[in-house]
Amino acid sequence: MKSELEVYKEGMEALEQGTLPGARGRDPSKEEEGLEDMEPKLREAILKMRKLDRILTKKVKREKEVKRDRLILERR
């Protein structure tokens, strides 16, 4: 079993790489196969939510880069 620190580190690494934490090893094509059986509105909502999650992850990653760069510049 992983300690909380290991889980946290893996999550941070995933965010830095631009992926969702815990998304390693997932196949996006398999995730969409299960959506074919759902109601169209529900399926569209889930796909939109995933798209927004990707956008949010990118923005969080960018904010962390800016913060890191700012801290580096302040140290000089």
N, C-alpha and C. Protein backbone atom coordinates (compact mmCIF):
# COMPACT_ATOMS: atom_id res chain seq x y z
N MET A 1 0.85 -1.18 0.00
CA MET A 1 0.00 0.00 0.00
C MET A 1 0.89 1.24 0.00
N LYS A 2 0.48 2.24 -0.76
CA LYS A 2 1.27 3.45 -0.89
C LYS A 2 0.97 4.41 0.25
N SER A 3 2.01 5.11 0.66
CA SER A 3 1.80 6.12 1.69
C SER A 3 1.17 7.35 1.05
N GLU A 4 0.67 8.23 1.89
CA GLU A 4 0.02 9.44 1.39
C GLU A 4 1.01 10.30 0.61
N LEU A 5 2.25 10.32 1.07
CA LEU A 5 3.27 11.12 0.40
C LEU A 5 3.54 10.61 -1.02
N GLU A 6 3.59 9.29 -1.18
CA GLU A 6 3.82 8.72 -2.51
C GLU A 6 2.66 9.03 -3.45
N VAL A 7 1.44 8.93 -2.95
CA VAL A 7 0.26 9.23 -3.76
C VAL A 7 0.27 10.70 -4.16
N TYR A 8 0.62 11.58 -3.21
CA TYR A 8 0.68 13.01 -3.48
C TYR A 8 1.73 13.31 -4.55
N LYS A 9 2.92 12.70 -4.40
CA LYS A 9 4.00 12.93 -5.37
C LYS A 9 3.59 12.46 -6.77
N GLU A 10 2.94 11.31 -6.85
CA GLU A 10 2.49 10.81 -8.16
C GLU A 10 1.46 11.76 -8.77
N GLY A 11 0.57 12.27 -7.95
CA GLY A 11 -0.43 13.21 -8.44
C GLY A 11 0.20 14.49 -8.95
N MET A 12 1.18 15.00 -8.23
CA MET A 12 1.87 16.22 -8.65
C MET A 12 2.64 15.99 -9.95
N GLU A 13 3.30 14.84 -10.07
CA GLU A 13 4.02 14.52 -11.29
C GLU A 13 3.07 14.43 -12.48
N ALA A 14 1.91 13.83 -12.25
CA ALA A 14 0.93 13.71 -13.32
C ALA A 14 0.45 15.09 -13.77
N LEU A 15 0.20 15.98 -12.82
CA LEU A 15 -0.23 17.33 -13.17
C LEU A 15 0.85 18.08 -13.92
N GLU A 16 2.10 17.89 -13.50
CA GLU A 16 3.20 18.57 -14.19
C GLU A 16 3.35 18.09 -15.62
N GLN A 17 3.00 16.83 -15.86
CA GLN A 17 3.10 16.28 -17.21
C GLN A 17 1.87 16.59 -18.04
N GLY A 18 0.87 17.20 -17.43
CA GLY A 18 -0.33 17.59 -18.16
C GLY A 18 -1.38 16.51 -18.25
N THR A 19 -1.28 15.51 -17.38
CA THR A 19 -2.29 14.46 -17.36
C THR A 19 -3.06 14.53 -16.06
N LEU A 20 -4.16 13.85 -16.02
CA LEU A 20 -4.94 13.81 -14.80
C LEU A 20 -4.33 12.78 -13.85
N PRO A 21 -4.28 13.08 -12.56
CA PRO A 21 -3.75 12.10 -11.62
C PRO A 21 -4.53 10.80 -11.67
N GLY A 22 -3.83 9.69 -11.69
CA GLY A 22 -4.48 8.39 -11.74
C GLY A 22 -4.89 7.98 -13.13
N ALA A 23 -4.59 8.78 -14.14
CA ALA A 23 -5.01 8.48 -15.50
C ALA A 23 -3.98 7.63 -16.25
N ARG A 24 -2.89 7.30 -15.61
CA ARG A 24 -1.86 6.49 -16.27
C ARG A 24 -2.42 5.11 -16.58
N GLY A 25 -2.08 4.65 -17.75
CA GLY A 25 -2.51 3.31 -18.13
C GLY A 25 -3.93 3.23 -18.65
N ARG A 26 -4.63 4.33 -18.67
CA ARG A 26 -5.99 4.32 -19.19
C ARG A 26 -5.96 4.48 -20.70
N ASP A 27 -6.87 3.80 -21.33
CA ASP A 27 -6.98 3.90 -22.78
C ASP A 27 -8.24 4.70 -23.10
N PRO A 28 -8.11 5.90 -23.65
CA PRO A 28 -9.28 6.74 -23.91
C PRO A 28 -10.31 6.08 -24.83
N SER A 29 -9.86 5.24 -25.76
CA SER A 29 -10.81 4.59 -26.66
C SER A 29 -11.70 3.60 -25.89
N LYS A 30 -11.15 2.97 -24.87
CA LYS A 30 -11.96 2.04 -24.07
C LYS A 30 -12.99 2.79 -23.23
N GLU A 31 -12.62 3.98 -22.76
CA GLU A 31 -13.56 4.77 -21.96
C GLU A 31 -14.75 5.20 -22.80
N GLU A 32 -14.54 5.50 -24.06
CA GLU A 32 -15.63 5.95 -24.92
C GLU A 32 -16.52 4.80 -25.36
N GLU A 33 -16.01 3.58 -25.31
CA GLU A 33 -16.84 2.42 -25.69
C GLU A 33 -18.02 2.28 -24.74
N GLY A 34 -17.80 2.54 -23.46
CA GLY A 34 -18.87 2.43 -22.47
C GLY A 34 -19.90 3.52 -22.61
N LEU A 35 -19.54 4.62 -23.23
CA LEU A 35 -20.46 5.74 -23.38
C LEU A 35 -21.48 5.51 -24.49
N GLU A 36 -21.21 4.59 -25.38
CA GLU A 36 -22.12 4.36 -26.50
C GLU A 36 -23.49 3.86 -26.04
N ASP A 37 -23.54 3.19 -24.89
CA ASP A 37 -24.80 2.63 -24.40
C ASP A 37 -25.64 3.64 -23.62
N MET A 38 -25.10 4.83 -23.36
CA MET A 38 -25.78 5.82 -22.53
C MET A 38 -26.72 6.69 -23.36
N GLU A 39 -27.55 7.42 -22.62
CA GLU A 39 -28.43 8.39 -23.26
C GLU A 39 -27.58 9.46 -23.92
N PRO A 40 -28.03 10.00 -25.04
CA PRO A 40 -27.22 11.00 -25.76
C PRO A 40 -26.87 12.24 -24.93
N LYS A 41 -27.83 12.76 -24.17
CA LYS A 41 -27.56 13.96 -23.37
C LYS A 41 -26.53 13.67 -22.29
N LEU A 42 -26.65 12.52 -21.65
CA LEU A 42 -25.70 12.14 -20.60
C LEU A 42 -24.32 11.93 -21.19
N ARG A 43 -24.26 11.30 -22.35
CA ARG A 43 -22.99 11.05 -23.03
C ARG A 43 -22.31 12.38 -23.39
N GLU A 44 -23.08 13.31 -23.93
CA GLU A 44 -22.53 14.62 -24.29
C GLU A 44 -22.03 15.36 -23.06
N ALA A 45 -22.76 15.26 -21.96
CA ALA A 45 -22.36 15.94 -20.73
C ALA A 45 -21.04 15.37 -20.20
N ILE A 46 -20.89 14.06 -20.26
CA ILE A 46 -19.65 13.43 -19.79
C ILE A 46 -18.48 13.83 -20.67
N LEU A 47 -18.68 13.83 -21.98
CA LEU A 47 -17.60 14.23 -22.88
C LEU A 47 -17.21 15.70 -22.67
N LYS A 48 -18.21 16.55 -22.45
CA LYS A 48 -17.93 17.97 -22.20
C LYS A 48 -17.16 18.13 -20.89
N MET A 49 -17.55 17.37 -19.87
CA MET A 49 -16.87 17.43 -18.58
C MET A 49 -15.40 17.01 -18.73
N ARG A 50 -15.14 15.98 -19.51
CA ARG A 50 -13.76 15.53 -19.73
C ARG A 50 -12.95 16.61 -20.45
N LYS A 51 -13.59 17.25 -21.43
CA LYS A 51 -12.90 18.32 -22.16
C LYS A 51 -12.55 19.46 -21.22
N LEU A 52 -13.49 19.86 -20.37
CA LEU A 52 -13.25 20.93 -19.42
C LEU A 52 -12.18 20.54 -18.40
N ASP A 53 -12.15 19.27 -18.00
CA ASP A 53 -11.12 18.79 -17.09
C ASP A 53 -9.73 18.93 -17.72
N ARG A 54 -9.62 18.60 -19.00
CA ARG A 54 -8.32 18.75 -19.68
C ARG A 54 -7.90 20.21 -19.74
N ILE A 55 -8.86 21.10 -20.03
CA ILE A 55 -8.56 22.53 -20.09
C ILE A 55 -8.10 23.03 -18.72
N LEU A 56 -8.81 22.63 -17.68
CA LEU A 56 -8.46 23.05 -16.32
C LEU A 56 -7.08 22.55 -15.93
N THR A 57 -6.77 21.32 -16.29
CA THR A 57 -5.46 20.75 -15.98
C THR A 57 -4.35 21.55 -16.65
N LYS A 58 -4.57 21.93 -17.90
CA LYS A 58 -3.57 22.73 -18.61
C LYS A 58 -3.38 24.09 -17.95
N LYS A 59 -4.49 24.71 -17.52
CA LYS A 59 -4.40 26.02 -16.89
C LYS A 59 -3.67 25.93 -15.54
N VAL A 60 -3.96 24.88 -14.78
CA VAL A 60 -3.29 24.68 -13.49
C VAL A 60 -1.80 24.48 -13.71
N LYS A 61 -1.47 23.70 -14.72
CA LYS A 61 -0.06 23.46 -15.04
C LYS A 61 0.63 24.77 -15.39
N ARG A 62 -0.01 25.58 -16.20
CA ARG A 62 0.57 26.86 -16.61
C ARG A 62 0.74 27.79 -15.42
N GLU A 63 -0.25 27.84 -14.52
CA GLU A 63 -0.16 28.68 -13.34
C GLU A 63 1.01 28.27 -12.46
N LYS A 64 1.24 26.96 -12.33
CA LYS A 64 2.36 26.47 -11.53
C LYS A 64 3.69 26.85 -12.16
N GLU A 65 3.76 26.80 -13.49
CA GLU A 65 4.98 27.20 -14.18
C GLU A 65 5.27 28.68 -13.94
N VAL A 66 4.24 29.51 -14.04
CA VAL A 66 4.40 30.95 -13.83
C VAL A 66 4.84 31.22 -12.39
N LYS A 67 4.22 30.54 -11.45
CA LYS A 67 4.58 30.73 -10.04
C LYS A 67 6.02 30.30 -9.80
N ARG A 68 6.42 29.18 -10.36
CA ARG A 68 7.79 28.69 -10.20
C ARG A 68 8.78 29.70 -10.79
N ASP A 69 8.47 30.21 -11.98
CA ASP A 69 9.34 31.19 -12.62
C ASP A 69 9.43 32.48 -11.81
N ARG A 70 8.31 32.90 -11.26
CA ARG A 70 8.29 34.12 -10.44
C ARG A 70 9.17 33.94 -9.21
N LEU A 71 9.07 32.79 -8.56
CA LEU A 71 9.87 32.53 -7.37
C LEU A 71 11.36 32.50 -7.72
N ILE A 72 11.69 31.95 -8.86
CA ILE A 72 13.09 31.91 -9.30
C ILE A 72 13.60 33.33 -9.53
N LEU A 73 12.80 34.16 -10.17
CA LEU A 73 13.21 35.55 -10.42
C LEU A 73 13.34 36.35 -9.14
N GLU A 74 12.47 36.07 -8.15
CA GLU A 74 12.53 36.80 -6.88
C GLU A 74 13.79 36.46 -6.11
N ARG A 75 14.29 35.27 -6.27
CA ARG A 75 15.51 34.85 -5.55
C ARG A 75 16.76 35.53 -6.06
N ARG A 76 16.72 36.01 -7.29
CA ARG A 76 17.91 36.64 -7.89
C ARG A 76 18.21 37.96 -7.29
